[in-house]
């Protein structure tokens, strides 16, 4: 994506050292954290990947506790010149999806972080202290990660309360399900969310929504998805 945008450093690890800068209320800046040097990034990322693959296969390790540890290590390595925070959110979603936690398909994980970003950055600060010496504690970051995920599910519950309300028609519930989805959603996924609604009804409502310009149709046949226009 960065290559398409015209940046020569797209798709590459950083080539120069970077620093996490903190600015106080008076505008004074100081280095809060020194990430892994550029010369060590490739090896550090390989070690992170290998450590994760080993840990994910350990039945004694709770995956929901493992994921924020991986994300914190990624942020402390800070492997790219720019976009490390955004990439960490994508990694969070990917690992959550792989472990069956898919609330991020319907509620923005990043938005929940932004809603409480002061707590997020404080947790990141606390957990990164002593990271280079392997003396840090992951607990503050794990707690913040789980709180963010909880807020996603809480927001999702609110949306289901509207979508699955008894006084709302099936048509309105289908429309709400599609329009509230942050990612393209398929007919079968809608049927999974609304098991009491027939596929024929879902298909008919989607057809009208496409015709009215409410949603866009993406793909064909089995790959067909729908997203808010």
C-alpha atoms as a PDB file:
ATOM      1  CA  UNK A   1       0.000   0.000   0.000  1.00  0.00           C
ATOM      2  CA  UNK A   2       2.842   2.380   0.768  1.00  0.00           C
ATOM      3  CA  UNK A   3       4.410   1.646  -2.608  1.00  0.00           C
ATOM      4  CA  UNK A   4       1.153   2.622  -4.300  1.00  0.00           C
ATOM      5  CA  UNK A   5       1.222   5.867  -2.303  1.00  0.00           C
ATOM      6  CA  UNK A   6       4.667   6.601  -3.728  1.00  0.00           C
ATOM      7  CA  UNK A   7       6.799   6.104  -0.606  1.00  0.00           C
ATOM      8  CA  UNK A   8      10.104   4.393  -1.274  1.00  0.00           C
ATOM      9  CA  UNK A   9      10.167   2.815   2.193  1.00  0.00           C
ATOM     10  CA  UNK A  10       6.931   0.875   1.634  1.00  0.00           C
ATOM     11  CA  UNK A  11       7.133  -2.828   2.454  1.00  0.00           C
ATOM     12  CA  UNK A  12      10.477  -2.512   4.249  1.00  0.00           C
ATOM     13  CA  UNK A  13      11.676  -2.439   7.814  1.00  0.00           C
ATOM     14  CA  UNK A  14      13.108   0.865   9.016  1.00  0.00           C
ATOM     15  CA  UNK A  15      16.616   1.709   7.877  1.00  0.00           C
ATOM     16  CA  UNK A  16      17.291   4.300  10.585  1.00  0.00           C
ATOM     17  CA  UNK A  17      16.733   4.293  14.336  1.00  0.00           C
ATOM     18  CA  UNK A  18      13.524   5.882  15.600  1.00  0.00           C
ATOM     19  CA  UNK A  19      12.426   7.080  19.024  1.00  0.00           C
ATOM     20  CA  UNK A  20       9.192   7.469  20.927  1.00  0.00           C
ATOM     21  CA  UNK A  21       8.969  11.171  21.818  1.00  0.00           C
ATOM     22  CA  UNK A  22       6.919  12.504  24.720  1.00  0.00           C
ATOM     23  CA  UNK A  23       5.836  16.142  24.922  1.00  0.00           C
ATOM     24  CA  UNK A  24       4.678  17.788  28.163  1.00  0.00           C
ATOM     25  CA  UNK A  25       2.047  20.501  28.521  1.00  0.00           C
ATOM     26  CA  UNK A  26       4.720  23.192  28.098  1.00  0.00           C
ATOM     27  CA  UNK A  27       5.854  21.821  24.766  1.00  0.00           C
ATOM     28  CA  UNK A  28       9.074  20.303  26.071  1.00  0.00           C
ATOM     29  CA  UNK A  29      10.050  17.061  24.404  1.00  0.00           C
ATOM     30  CA  UNK A  30      11.991  14.079  25.678  1.00  0.00           C
ATOM     31  CA  UNK A  31      12.703  10.537  24.542  1.00  0.00           C
ATOM     32  CA  UNK A  32      10.267   8.236  26.344  1.00  0.00           C
ATOM     33  CA  UNK A  33      11.374   4.989  24.756  1.00  0.00           C
ATOM     34  CA  UNK A  34      14.161   3.817  22.471  1.00  0.00           C
ATOM     35  CA  UNK A  35      12.843   1.013  20.214  1.00  0.00           C
ATOM     36  CA  UNK A  36      15.004  -1.773  18.826  1.00  0.00           C
ATOM     37  CA  UNK A  37      17.810  -0.363  16.628  1.00  0.00           C
ATOM     38  CA  UNK A  38      17.265  -0.688  12.871  1.00  0.00           C
ATOM     39  CA  UNK A  39      20.209  -3.068  12.525  1.00  0.00           C
ATOM     40  CA  UNK A  40      18.534  -5.558  14.894  1.00  0.00           C
ATOM     41  CA  UNK A  41      14.938  -5.319  13.678  1.00  0.00           C
ATOM     42  CA  UNK A  42      14.950  -8.218  11.199  1.00  0.00           C
ATOM     43  CA  UNK A  43      16.250 -10.680  13.791  1.00  0.00           C
ATOM     44  CA  UNK A  44      13.957  -9.286  16.493  1.00  0.00           C
ATOM     45  CA  UNK A  45      10.876  -9.732  14.293  1.00  0.00           C
ATOM     46  CA  UNK A  46      11.915 -13.278  13.398  1.00  0.00           C
ATOM     47  CA  UNK A  47      12.307 -14.088  17.088  1.00  0.00           C
ATOM     48  CA  UNK A  48       8.898 -12.568  17.836  1.00  0.00           C
ATOM     49  CA  UNK A  49       7.241 -14.670  15.131  1.00  0.00           C
ATOM     50  CA  UNK A  50       8.934 -17.878  16.279  1.00  0.00           C
ATOM     51  CA  UNK A  51       8.085 -17.185  19.921  1.00  0.00           C
ATOM     52  CA  UNK A  52       4.435 -16.600  19.018  1.00  0.00           C
ATOM     53  CA  UNK A  53       4.203 -19.785  16.942  1.00  0.00           C
ATOM     54  CA  UNK A  54       5.635 -21.782  19.836  1.00  0.00           C
ATOM     55  CA  UNK A  55       3.342 -20.164  22.413  1.00  0.00           C
ATOM     56  CA  UNK A  56       0.161 -20.498  20.353  1.00  0.00           C
ATOM     57  CA  UNK A  57       0.673 -24.279  20.240  1.00  0.00           C
ATOM     58  CA  UNK A  58       1.018 -24.499  24.018  1.00  0.00           C
ATOM     59  CA  UNK A  59      -2.312 -25.650  25.468  1.00  0.00           C
ATOM     60  CA  UNK A  60      -1.396 -24.106  28.830  1.00  0.00           C
ATOM     61  CA  UNK A  61      -1.229 -20.578  27.397  1.00  0.00           C
ATOM     62  CA  UNK A  62      -4.436 -18.553  27.131  1.00  0.00           C
ATOM     63  CA  UNK A  63      -4.508 -17.056  23.640  1.00  0.00           C
ATOM     64  CA  UNK A  64      -6.433 -13.996  24.807  1.00  0.00           C
ATOM     65  CA  UNK A  65      -3.564 -13.177  27.170  1.00  0.00           C
ATOM     66  CA  UNK A  66      -0.904 -14.047  24.597  1.00  0.00           C
ATOM     67  CA  UNK A  67      -2.131 -11.654  21.898  1.00  0.00           C
ATOM     68  CA  UNK A  68      -1.497  -8.383  23.798  1.00  0.00           C
ATOM     69  CA  UNK A  69       1.982  -9.654  24.712  1.00  0.00           C
ATOM     70  CA  UNK A  70       2.754 -10.084  21.005  1.00  0.00           C
ATOM     71  CA  UNK A  71       1.350  -6.638  20.235  1.00  0.00           C
ATOM     72  CA  UNK A  72       3.401  -5.004  22.989  1.00  0.00           C
ATOM     73  CA  UNK A  73       6.607  -6.664  21.758  1.00  0.00           C
ATOM     74  CA  UNK A  74       5.817  -5.477  18.230  1.00  0.00           C
ATOM     75  CA  UNK A  75       5.351  -1.894  19.455  1.00  0.00           C
ATOM     76  CA  UNK A  76       8.588  -2.015  21.445  1.00  0.00           C
ATOM     77  CA  UNK A  77      10.492  -3.297  18.409  1.00  0.00           C
ATOM     78  CA  UNK A  78       8.809  -0.538  16.345  1.00  0.00           C
ATOM     79  CA  UNK A  79      10.018  -2.151  13.105  1.00  0.00           C
ATOM     80  CA  UNK A  80       8.754   0.377  10.571  1.00  0.00           C
ATOM     81  CA  UNK A  81       9.619   3.964   9.810  1.00  0.00           C
ATOM     82  CA  UNK A  82       5.961   4.970  10.156  1.00  0.00           C
ATOM     83  CA  UNK A  83       2.559   3.441  10.857  1.00  0.00           C
ATOM     84  CA  UNK A  84       3.617   1.109  13.688  1.00  0.00           C
ATOM     85  CA  UNK A  85       0.573   1.974  15.798  1.00  0.00           C
ATOM     86  CA  UNK A  86      -1.850   1.320  12.956  1.00  0.00           C
ATOM     87  CA  UNK A  87      -0.073  -1.903  12.086  1.00  0.00           C
ATOM     88  CA  UNK A  88      -0.311  -3.051  15.707  1.00  0.00           C
ATOM     89  CA  UNK A  89      -4.100  -2.598  15.535  1.00  0.00           C
ATOM     90  CA  UNK A  90      -4.230  -4.717  12.365  1.00  0.00           C
ATOM     91  CA  UNK A  91      -2.127  -7.408  14.048  1.00  0.00           C
ATOM     92  CA  UNK A  92      -4.490  -7.292  17.043  1.00  0.00           C
ATOM     93  CA  UNK A  93      -7.507  -7.849  14.805  1.00  0.00           C
ATOM     94  CA  UNK A  94      -5.807 -10.601  12.806  1.00  0.00           C
ATOM     95  CA  UNK A  95      -4.827 -12.589  15.900  1.00  0.00           C
ATOM     96  CA  UNK A  96      -8.241 -12.036  17.484  1.00  0.00           C
ATOM     97  CA  UNK A  97      -9.966 -13.284  14.308  1.00  0.00           C
ATOM     98  CA  UNK A  98      -7.751 -16.370  14.218  1.00  0.00           C
ATOM     99  CA  UNK A  99      -8.828 -17.191  17.764  1.00  0.00           C
ATOM    100  CA  UNK A 100     -12.538 -16.695  17.196  1.00  0.00           C
ATOM    101  CA  UNK A 101     -12.975 -13.157  18.553  1.00  0.00           C
ATOM    102  CA  UNK A 102     -14.560 -11.342  15.610  1.00  0.00           C
ATOM    103  CA  UNK A 103     -16.259  -8.340  17.247  1.00  0.00           C
ATOM    104  CA  UNK A 104     -13.799  -6.173  15.293  1.00  0.00           C
ATOM    105  CA  UNK A 105     -15.704  -7.019  12.107  1.00  0.00           C
ATOM    106  CA  UNK A 106     -18.638  -4.982  13.370  1.00  0.00           C
ATOM    107  CA  UNK A 107     -17.170  -2.557  15.930  1.00  0.00           C
ATOM    108  CA  UNK A 108     -13.964  -0.564  15.381  1.00  0.00           C
ATOM    109  CA  UNK A 109     -11.230  -1.785  17.748  1.00  0.00           C
ATOM    110  CA  UNK A 110      -9.179   1.297  16.939  1.00  0.00           C
ATOM    111  CA  UNK A 111     -12.074   3.624  17.725  1.00  0.00           C
ATOM    112  CA  UNK A 112     -12.383   2.095  21.185  1.00  0.00           C
ATOM    113  CA  UNK A 113      -8.667   2.716  21.745  1.00  0.00           C
ATOM    114  CA  UNK A 114      -9.073   6.325  20.625  1.00  0.00           C
ATOM    115  CA  UNK A 115     -12.014   6.786  22.988  1.00  0.00           C
ATOM    116  CA  UNK A 116      -9.725   5.993  25.918  1.00  0.00           C
ATOM    117  CA  UNK A 117      -6.318   6.743  24.402  1.00  0.00           C
ATOM    118  CA  UNK A 118      -4.904   8.294  27.587  1.00  0.00           C
ATOM    119  CA  UNK A 119      -5.334   4.928  29.338  1.00  0.00           C
ATOM    120  CA  UNK A 120      -3.892   3.111  26.317  1.00  0.00           C
ATOM    121  CA  UNK A 121      -0.712   5.195  26.222  1.00  0.00           C
ATOM    122  CA  UNK A 122      -0.254   4.976  29.966  1.00  0.00           C
ATOM    123  CA  UNK A 123      -0.567   1.186  29.849  1.00  0.00           C
ATOM    124  CA  UNK A 124       1.910   1.092  26.948  1.00  0.00           C
ATOM    125  CA  UNK A 125       4.330   3.272  28.943  1.00  0.00           C
ATOM    126  CA  UNK A 126       4.082   1.132  32.068  1.00  0.00           C
ATOM    127  CA  UNK A 127       4.544  -2.152  30.225  1.00  0.00           C
ATOM    128  CA  UNK A 128       7.481  -0.944  28.132  1.00  0.00           C
ATOM    129  CA  UNK A 129       9.598   0.027  31.160  1.00  0.00           C
ATOM    130  CA  UNK A 130      12.500  -2.422  31.363  1.00  0.00           C
ATOM    131  CA  UNK A 131      11.501  -4.162  28.111  1.00  0.00           C
ATOM    132  CA  UNK A 132      15.045  -4.176  26.677  1.00  0.00           C
ATOM    133  CA  UNK A 133      16.319  -5.878  29.843  1.00  0.00           C
ATOM    134  CA  UNK A 134      13.408  -8.370  29.828  1.00  0.00           C
ATOM    135  CA  UNK A 135      12.316  -6.965  33.187  1.00  0.00           C
ATOM    136  CA  UNK A 136       9.031  -5.358  32.116  1.00  0.00           C
ATOM    137  CA  UNK A 137       5.525  -6.380  33.171  1.00  0.00           C
ATOM    138  CA  UNK A 138       2.913  -7.065  30.506  1.00  0.00           C
ATOM    139  CA  UNK A 139       0.004  -6.780  32.940  1.00  0.00           C
ATOM    140  CA  UNK A 140      -0.955  -3.087  32.383  1.00  0.00           C
ATOM    141  CA  UNK A 141      -1.045  -3.567  28.604  1.00  0.00           C
ATOM    142  CA  UNK A 142      -2.944  -6.867  28.887  1.00  0.00           C
ATOM    143  CA  UNK A 143      -5.540  -5.221  31.136  1.00  0.00           C
ATOM    144  CA  UNK A 144      -5.981  -2.328  28.715  1.00  0.00           C
ATOM    145  CA  UNK A 145      -6.236  -4.703  25.741  1.00  0.00           C
ATOM    146  CA  UNK A 146      -8.914  -6.806  27.438  1.00  0.00           C
ATOM    147  CA  UNK A 147     -10.799  -3.661  28.487  1.00  0.00           C
ATOM    148  CA  UNK A 148     -10.782  -2.440  24.881  1.00  0.00           C
ATOM    149  CA  UNK A 149     -12.041  -5.793  23.639  1.00  0.00           C
ATOM    150  CA  UNK A 150     -14.736  -5.751  26.322  1.00  0.00           C
ATOM    151  CA  UNK A 151     -15.877  -2.306  25.152  1.00  0.00           C
ATOM    152  CA  UNK A 152     -16.117  -3.664  21.585  1.00  0.00           C
ATOM    153  CA  UNK A 153     -18.409  -6.468  22.708  1.00  0.00           C
ATOM    154  CA  UNK A 154     -20.402  -4.075  24.866  1.00  0.00           C
ATOM    155  CA  UNK A 155     -20.962  -1.825  21.846  1.00  0.00           C
ATOM    156  CA  UNK A 156     -21.848  -4.882  19.769  1.00  0.00           C
ATOM    157  CA  UNK A 157     -24.439  -5.884  22.363  1.00  0.00           C
ATOM    158  CA  UNK A 158     -26.054  -2.463  21.988  1.00  0.00           C
ATOM    159  CA  UNK A 159     -26.271  -2.928  18.231  1.00  0.00           C
ATOM    160  CA  UNK A 160     -27.753  -6.411  18.554  1.00  0.00           C
ATOM    161  CA  UNK A 161     -30.300  -5.024  20.988  1.00  0.00           C
ATOM    162  CA  UNK A 162     -31.464  -2.774  18.145  1.00  0.00           C
ATOM    163  CA  UNK A 163     -31.066  -5.311  15.348  1.00  0.00           C
ATOM    164  CA  UNK A 164     -32.784  -8.138  17.217  1.00  0.00           C
ATOM    165  CA  UNK A 165     -35.475  -6.068  18.916  1.00  0.00           C
ATOM    166  CA  UNK A 166     -38.902  -7.688  18.846  1.00  0.00           C
ATOM    167  CA  UNK A 167     -40.675  -4.622  17.461  1.00  0.00           C
ATOM    168  CA  UNK A 168     -38.320  -4.235  14.510  1.00  0.00           C
ATOM    169  CA  UNK A 169     -39.205  -5.824  11.184  1.00  0.00           C
ATOM    170  CA  UNK A 170     -36.980  -8.415   9.546  1.00  0.00           C
ATOM    171  CA  UNK A 171     -36.268  -5.945   6.757  1.00  0.00           C
ATOM    172  CA  UNK A 172     -35.034  -3.316   9.247  1.00  0.00           C
ATOM    173  CA  UNK A 173     -32.918  -5.874  11.061  1.00  0.00           C
ATOM    174  CA  UNK A 174     -31.228  -6.948   7.831  1.00  0.00           C
ATOM    175  CA  UNK A 175     -30.598  -3.318   6.866  1.00  0.00           C
ATOM    176  CA  UNK A 176     -29.137  -2.526  10.291  1.00  0.00           C
ATOM    177  CA  UNK A 177     -26.867  -5.577  10.170  1.00  0.00           C
ATOM    178  CA  UNK A 178     -25.364  -4.551   6.826  1.00  0.00           C
ATOM    179  CA  UNK A 179     -25.122  -0.830   7.536  1.00  0.00           C
ATOM    180  CA  UNK A 180     -23.501  -1.375  10.953  1.00  0.00           C
ATOM    181  CA  UNK A 181     -20.849  -3.717   9.578  1.00  0.00           C
ATOM    182  CA  UNK A 182     -17.395  -2.149   9.231  1.00  0.00           C
ATOM    183  CA  UNK A 183     -16.296  -4.743   6.680  1.00  0.00           C
ATOM    184  CA  UNK A 184     -17.993  -6.235   3.617  1.00  0.00           C
ATOM    185  CA  UNK A 185     -20.481  -8.864   4.782  1.00  0.00           C
ATOM    186  CA  UNK A 186     -21.888 -11.847   2.905  1.00  0.00           C
ATOM    187  CA  UNK A 187     -25.447 -13.150   2.725  1.00  0.00           C
ATOM    188  CA  UNK A 188     -24.483 -16.259   4.704  1.00  0.00           C
ATOM    189  CA  UNK A 189     -22.906 -14.131   7.450  1.00  0.00           C
ATOM    190  CA  UNK A 190     -26.119 -12.115   7.725  1.00  0.00           C
ATOM    191  CA  UNK A 191     -28.073 -15.362   8.005  1.00  0.00           C
ATOM    192  CA  UNK A 192     -25.745 -16.486  10.821  1.00  0.00           C
ATOM    193  CA  UNK A 193     -26.409 -13.241  12.693  1.00  0.00           C
ATOM    194  CA  UNK A 194     -30.163 -13.423  12.037  1.00  0.00           C
ATOM    195  CA  UNK A 195     -30.962 -17.162  12.156  1.00  0.00           C
ATOM    196  CA  UNK A 196     -34.734 -16.573  12.184  1.00  0.00           C
ATOM    197  CA  UNK A 197     -34.628 -14.738   8.832  1.00  0.00           C
ATOM    198  CA  UNK A 198     -34.715 -16.840   5.661  1.00  0.00           C
ATOM    199  CA  UNK A 199     -31.951 -16.541   3.018  1.00  0.00           C
ATOM    200  CA  UNK A 200     -34.628 -15.595   0.482  1.00  0.00           C
ATOM    201  CA  UNK A 201     -35.697 -12.606   2.586  1.00  0.00           C
ATOM    202  CA  UNK A 202     -32.088 -11.552   3.106  1.00  0.00           C
ATOM    203  CA  UNK A 203     -31.420 -11.749  -0.629  1.00  0.00           C
ATOM    204  CA  UNK A 204     -34.541  -9.714  -1.464  1.00  0.00           C
ATOM    205  CA  UNK A 205     -33.676  -6.933   1.011  1.00  0.00           C
ATOM    206  CA  UNK A 206     -30.063  -6.800  -0.188  1.00  0.00           C
ATOM    207  CA  UNK A 207     -31.247  -6.468  -3.785  1.00  0.00           C
ATOM    208  CA  UNK A 208     -33.400  -3.472  -2.879  1.00  0.00           C
ATOM    209  CA  UNK A 209     -30.583  -1.882  -0.855  1.00  0.00           C
ATOM    210  CA  UNK A 210     -28.206  -2.198  -3.806  1.00  0.00           C
ATOM    211  CA  UNK A 211     -30.808  -0.721  -6.152  1.00  0.00           C
ATOM    212  CA  UNK A 212     -31.435   2.202  -3.751  1.00  0.00           C
ATOM    213  CA  UNK A 213     -27.716   2.916  -3.426  1.00  0.00           C
ATOM    214  CA  UNK A 214     -27.593   2.136   0.293  1.00  0.00           C
ATOM    215  CA  UNK A 215     -24.966  -0.553  -0.144  1.00  0.00           C
ATOM    216  CA  UNK A 216     -22.380  -1.595  -2.696  1.00  0.00           C
ATOM    217  CA  UNK A 217     -22.087  -5.129  -4.014  1.00  0.00           C
ATOM    218  CA  UNK A 218     -18.547  -6.490  -4.122  1.00  0.00           C
ATOM    219  CA  UNK A 219     -17.439  -9.699  -5.836  1.00  0.00           C
ATOM    220  CA  UNK A 220     -19.473 -12.346  -7.605  1.00  0.00           C
ATOM    221  CA  UNK A 221     -21.145 -15.684  -6.833  1.00  0.00           C
ATOM    222  CA  UNK A 222     -19.794 -17.182  -3.581  1.00  0.00           C
ATOM    223  CA  UNK A 223     -17.427 -14.267  -2.993  1.00  0.00           C
ATOM    224  CA  UNK A 224     -20.219 -11.668  -3.054  1.00  0.00           C
ATOM    225  CA  UNK A 225     -20.114  -9.203  -0.146  1.00  0.00           C
ATOM    226  CA  UNK A 226     -22.062  -6.063   0.719  1.00  0.00           C
ATOM    227  CA  UNK A 227     -20.821  -2.847   2.324  1.00  0.00           C
ATOM    228  CA  UNK A 228     -22.400   0.494   3.184  1.00  0.00           C
ATOM    229  CA  UNK A 229     -22.127   2.847   0.210  1.00  0.00           C
END
